[in-house]
Structures are given as structure tokens and as C-alpha cells.
Amino acid sequence: FLMGFYARRLTRIVPALLAMLLVTVLFVVLVIPAGWLTGFTEQTARYVFFGFSNYLLATNAEAYFTPRAEFNAFTHTWSLGVEEQFAATQARARKRWAFFALLASIGIASMVYAAWAQTHAPLQAFYSLFSRFWELALGALLFQFTHAMQSGNAAMKFVRSWNSRWLQWCVTLCGAALLVWSYVGLDASAFPWPSAVIPALAAALLIGGVGIDE
């Protein structure tokens, strides 16, 4: 599964990522004067090629929303690093409940760590895989949930009984409202905790609402 996962990811993402990196590196070298702003940028670029820029950025003295981070042309690649380090294996149907419980447990532990790190280690809170695991786990749990709804699992009969167009519209509209709120009403300095909860929940509701079929 992991080989197939990374093979599909390499085919889909790496060509565009390499093109972006090569062009950006060229412009950084030619356009941005050498100085205190570029040293960390060049170091970040080297880590991006191996998918570990988030770990380097977590050691930086500047937080994500500071002016110096805005001058780093590769700061945005931290999320790709986190995603590459997150791979959830698909459990067999008879073991899905155990996988679901394990993923949920790790996700809750990740949320607790994110809340603690937000105050005690803000850079780790923003860039670390474990402090961001709960956001990715939410998507994985949503996939497991919708997959179970579409299966013949008797345990999901109650859930499927609520599967209606009305529910689809309600869930989708709630997700859209939360998404708008995440753009206009959240404190950027409180990411990932607790501000990231709203956009993550909004995305889950939008994807889940659209994915509900009659």
C-alpha cells in the first residue's frame, strides 16, 4: 500500500514541485540580494527537495506569520513535508473498527499536544507532524466513515438511515459557513490551536456533505 501511495504521489506532485522549485531557486539567486534574508531561504530550498522543510522551519527563530518568513520563498512547502510524512494504511474490512479507533486515538493525542505546544513550543506546534496529525487524521477518518456508509456493514444502518438530500445540504451549508468564518473571524496567531479547528472542520463538512449520496 505504501509503495502504491508514494508512487501515485510522485507521479501527481513531484513534476510540478520540481518545476516550481527550480524556477523559484533561479529567481531567488538572480533577483534577491544576498543577505540575512536569503541564508535561511537557500537552506530551506535544500530541505524541500527531500520533503523535510517543515522540520527545518520548526528550528527557525521566526514564526510563520512574521515578516522574515514572508520573504522565504519556500515557507509554504511545510505542508507538503507534513503530508509526505503522513501515510495511513487501509485496514481490511474486518479490522476497520480497530484502525478507526487507533487513528482517532492518535488524532486526539495530537490535538492535546497541539494545544500544549501552542503555548510552550509555538514553532513545533505549527510545523511538527504530530501537532498537525489530527488535521490529516480527520480526513482519513472521514474517508473511513464514508466508505463504511457505502458498504454493507450492518453497524452503519443507522447512519445510512439519515442519508438524505436534506442532510447533504445542511452539512454542506454548515461547512461553507464555517469556511467563511475561518477567513474573516479567526486569529492567525492562534494557529494551529485552536484556530485551525474551524477550517479543518469546515473542510470535513464540505467534503462529507458533497460525498453523501441518496
Protein backbone atom coordinates (compact mmCIF):
# COMPACT_ATOMS: atom_id res chain seq x y z
CA PHE A 1 0.00 0.00 0.00
CA LEU A 2 2.78 2.43 0.93
CA MET A 3 4.61 1.78 -2.33
CA GLY A 4 1.44 2.45 -4.31
CA PHE A 5 0.66 5.53 -2.21
CA TYR A 6 4.05 7.13 -2.80
CA ALA A 7 4.14 6.06 -6.46
CA ARG A 8 0.85 7.88 -7.10
CA ARG A 9 2.04 10.87 -5.10
CA LEU A 10 5.33 11.05 -7.03
CA THR A 11 3.50 10.91 -10.34
CA ARG A 12 0.98 13.58 -9.33
CA ILE A 13 3.04 16.07 -7.32
CA VAL A 14 6.78 15.74 -7.94
CA PRO A 15 6.89 17.01 -11.57
CA ALA A 16 5.08 20.24 -10.66
CA LEU A 17 7.02 20.55 -7.39
CA LEU A 18 10.39 20.20 -9.11
CA ALA A 19 9.44 22.73 -11.78
CA MET A 20 8.32 25.19 -9.09
CA LEU A 21 11.50 24.66 -7.05
CA LEU A 22 13.88 25.05 -9.98
CA VAL A 23 12.20 28.23 -11.24
CA THR A 24 11.95 29.70 -7.74
CA VAL A 25 15.58 28.88 -6.93
CA LEU A 26 16.64 30.59 -10.14
CA PHE A 27 14.69 33.76 -9.30
CA VAL A 28 15.94 33.76 -5.70
CA VAL A 29 19.55 33.59 -6.89
CA LEU A 30 19.12 36.24 -9.60
CA VAL A 31 16.69 38.69 -8.02
CA ILE A 32 17.01 38.61 -4.23
CA PRO A 33 20.24 40.19 -2.95
CA ALA A 34 22.42 38.05 -0.73
CA GLY A 35 22.00 38.91 2.92
CA TRP A 36 20.37 37.92 6.15
CA LEU A 37 17.05 37.23 4.43
CA THR A 38 18.42 34.74 1.91
CA GLY A 39 20.61 32.45 4.00
CA PHE A 40 17.72 30.57 5.55
CA THR A 41 15.83 30.62 2.25
CA GLU A 42 18.60 28.71 0.48
CA GLN A 43 18.79 26.21 3.32
CA THR A 44 15.02 25.71 3.20
CA ALA A 45 15.20 25.05 -0.54
CA ARG A 46 17.66 22.19 0.00
CA TYR A 47 15.35 20.57 2.56
CA VAL A 48 12.31 20.92 0.29
CA PHE A 49 13.83 18.57 -2.28
CA PHE A 50 13.76 15.80 0.33
CA GLY A 51 10.38 16.65 1.86
CA PHE A 52 11.64 17.85 5.25
CA SER A 53 11.30 21.62 5.07
CA ASN A 54 8.82 21.62 7.95
CA TYR A 55 11.48 20.27 10.34
CA LEU A 56 13.96 22.96 9.32
CA LEU A 57 11.34 25.70 9.58
CA ALA A 58 10.47 24.47 13.08
CA THR A 59 14.03 25.33 14.14
CA ASN A 60 13.79 28.85 12.75
CA ALA A 61 13.64 31.74 15.18
CA GLU A 62 10.83 33.35 13.19
CA ALA A 63 7.22 32.19 13.31
CA TYR A 64 5.14 31.56 10.19
CA PHE A 65 3.35 34.93 10.23
CA THR A 66 6.44 37.08 10.83
CA PRO A 67 7.88 39.37 8.10
CA ARG A 68 11.05 37.29 7.67
CA ALA A 69 9.01 34.16 6.95
CA GLU A 70 7.17 36.09 4.23
CA PHE A 71 10.49 36.70 2.47
CA ASN A 72 11.29 32.97 2.42
CA ALA A 73 10.09 31.76 -0.98
CA PHE A 74 9.81 28.18 0.30
CA THR A 75 7.96 28.63 3.59
CA HIS A 76 4.73 27.37 2.04
CA THR A 77 6.28 23.94 1.40
CA TRP A 78 5.99 23.00 5.08
CA SER A 79 2.56 21.48 4.45
CA LEU A 80 3.91 19.19 1.71
CA GLY A 81 6.50 17.95 4.16
CA VAL A 82 3.82 17.15 6.73
CA GLU A 83 1.68 15.38 4.12
CA GLU A 84 4.59 13.29 2.86
CA GLN A 85 5.27 12.14 6.41
CA PHE A 86 1.65 11.12 6.89
CA ALA A 87 0.57 7.83 5.35
CA ALA A 88 -2.38 5.92 6.72
CA THR A 89 -2.65 2.28 5.65
CA GLN A 90 -6.01 0.92 4.63
CA ALA A 91 -7.10 -1.76 7.11
CA ARG A 92 -9.06 -4.79 5.97
CA ALA A 93 -12.80 -4.59 6.43
CA ARG A 94 -12.85 -6.91 9.43
CA LYS A 95 -10.22 -4.75 11.17
CA ARG A 96 -11.56 -1.36 10.14
CA TRP A 97 -13.01 -0.62 13.57
CA ALA A 98 -9.59 -1.16 15.19
CA PHE A 99 -7.89 1.08 12.63
CA PHE A 100 -10.59 3.71 13.10
CA ALA A 101 -10.13 3.63 16.89
CA LEU A 102 -6.34 3.81 16.62
CA LEU A 103 -6.45 6.73 14.19
CA ALA A 104 -8.96 8.57 16.38
CA SER A 105 -6.85 7.99 19.50
CA ILE A 106 -3.69 9.31 17.86
CA GLY A 107 -5.66 12.24 16.48
CA ILE A 108 -6.94 13.18 19.95
CA ALA A 109 -3.41 12.88 21.36
CA SER A 110 -2.21 15.13 18.53
CA MET A 111 -4.83 17.75 19.41
CA VAL A 112 -3.75 17.69 23.05
CA TYR A 113 -0.12 18.11 22.02
CA ALA A 114 -1.01 20.95 19.64
CA ALA A 115 -2.83 22.77 22.44
CA TRP A 116 0.18 22.35 24.75
CA ALA A 117 2.77 23.25 22.12
CA GLN A 118 0.85 26.36 21.05
CA THR A 119 1.95 27.94 24.32
CA HIS A 120 5.20 26.15 25.11
CA ALA A 121 6.71 25.48 21.66
CA PRO A 122 4.83 27.51 19.01
CA LEU A 123 7.16 26.65 16.12
CA GLN A 124 6.79 22.94 16.80
CA ALA A 125 3.04 23.45 17.11
CA PHE A 126 2.88 24.96 13.63
CA TYR A 127 5.35 22.80 11.69
CA SER A 128 5.51 19.44 13.50
CA LEU A 129 3.84 16.39 12.01
CA PHE A 130 2.45 15.29 15.38
CA SER A 131 0.88 18.66 16.14
CA ARG A 132 -0.74 18.57 12.69
CA PHE A 133 -1.59 14.86 12.67
CA TRP A 134 -5.13 15.45 13.93
CA GLU A 135 -6.00 17.55 10.86
CA LEU A 136 -4.89 14.82 8.46
CA ALA A 137 -6.46 12.16 10.68
CA LEU A 138 -9.78 13.99 10.37
CA GLY A 139 -9.67 13.48 6.61
CA ALA A 140 -8.65 9.84 6.96
CA LEU A 141 -11.47 9.23 9.45
CA LEU A 142 -13.92 10.90 7.08
CA PHE A 143 -12.80 8.53 4.33
CA GLN A 144 -13.23 5.52 6.61
CA PHE A 145 -16.65 6.76 7.70
CA THR A 146 -18.00 7.36 4.19
CA HIS A 147 -16.51 4.09 2.97
CA ALA A 148 -18.33 2.25 5.76
CA MET A 149 -21.56 4.04 4.83
CA GLN A 150 -21.28 2.69 1.30
CA SER A 151 -20.51 -0.85 2.43
CA GLY A 152 -22.86 -3.50 3.66
CA ASN A 153 -21.72 -3.11 7.25
CA ALA A 154 -24.75 -3.65 9.48
CA ALA A 155 -23.30 -1.27 12.07
CA MET A 156 -23.80 1.60 9.64
CA LYS A 157 -27.52 1.03 9.03
CA PHE A 158 -28.47 3.75 11.48
CA VAL A 159 -26.08 6.21 9.84
CA ARG A 160 -27.33 5.35 6.37
CA SER A 161 -30.92 5.92 7.54
CA TRP A 162 -30.02 9.62 7.86
CA ASN A 163 -28.54 9.67 4.38
CA SER A 164 -30.76 12.20 2.60
CA ARG A 165 -30.61 15.21 0.32
CA TRP A 166 -31.75 17.41 3.21
CA LEU A 167 -28.86 16.23 5.37
CA GLN A 168 -26.45 16.73 2.47
CA TRP A 169 -27.49 20.37 2.06
CA CYS A 170 -27.37 21.07 5.83
CA VAL A 171 -23.90 19.59 6.23
CA THR A 172 -22.59 21.38 3.15
CA LEU A 173 -24.03 24.76 4.17
CA CYS A 174 -22.61 24.40 7.69
CA GLY A 175 -19.21 23.66 6.17
CA ALA A 176 -19.45 26.68 3.87
CA ALA A 177 -20.43 28.95 6.78
CA LEU A 178 -17.52 27.74 8.89
CA LEU A 179 -15.17 28.22 5.94
CA VAL A 180 -16.25 31.85 5.57
CA TRP A 181 -15.80 32.33 9.30
CA SER A 182 -12.30 30.88 9.09
CA TYR A 183 -11.38 33.59 6.57
CA VAL A 184 -12.87 36.59 8.33
CA GLY A 185 -13.06 35.82 12.02
CA LEU A 186 -10.06 33.74 13.12
CA ASP A 187 -6.90 34.84 14.89
CA ALA A 188 -3.89 33.97 12.71
CA SER A 189 -1.59 33.99 15.74
CA ALA A 190 -3.54 31.08 17.25
CA PHE A 191 -2.67 28.53 14.57
CA PRO A 192 -2.79 25.60 14.70
CA TRP A 193 -4.62 25.67 18.02
CA PRO A 194 -7.39 26.49 18.35
CA SER A 195 -7.88 28.45 15.11
CA ALA A 196 -7.14 25.51 12.79
CA VAL A 197 -10.12 23.59 14.21
CA ILE A 198 -12.63 25.73 12.32
CA PRO A 199 -11.19 25.42 8.77
CA ALA A 200 -10.41 21.72 9.30
CA LEU A 201 -13.98 21.06 10.42
CA ALA A 202 -15.29 23.20 7.55
CA ALA A 203 -13.35 21.17 5.00
CA ALA A 204 -14.58 17.89 6.52
CA LEU A 205 -18.21 19.05 6.44
CA LEU A 206 -17.93 20.29 2.85
CA ILE A 207 -16.27 17.11 1.61
CA GLY A 208 -18.55 14.90 3.67
CA GLY A 209 -21.69 16.78 2.66
CA VAL A 210 -20.90 16.63 -1.03
CA GLY A 211 -19.99 12.96 -0.65
CA ILE A 212 -23.35 11.97 0.84
CA ASP A 213 -25.47 10.23 -1.77
CA GLU A 214 -29.15 9.46 -1.69
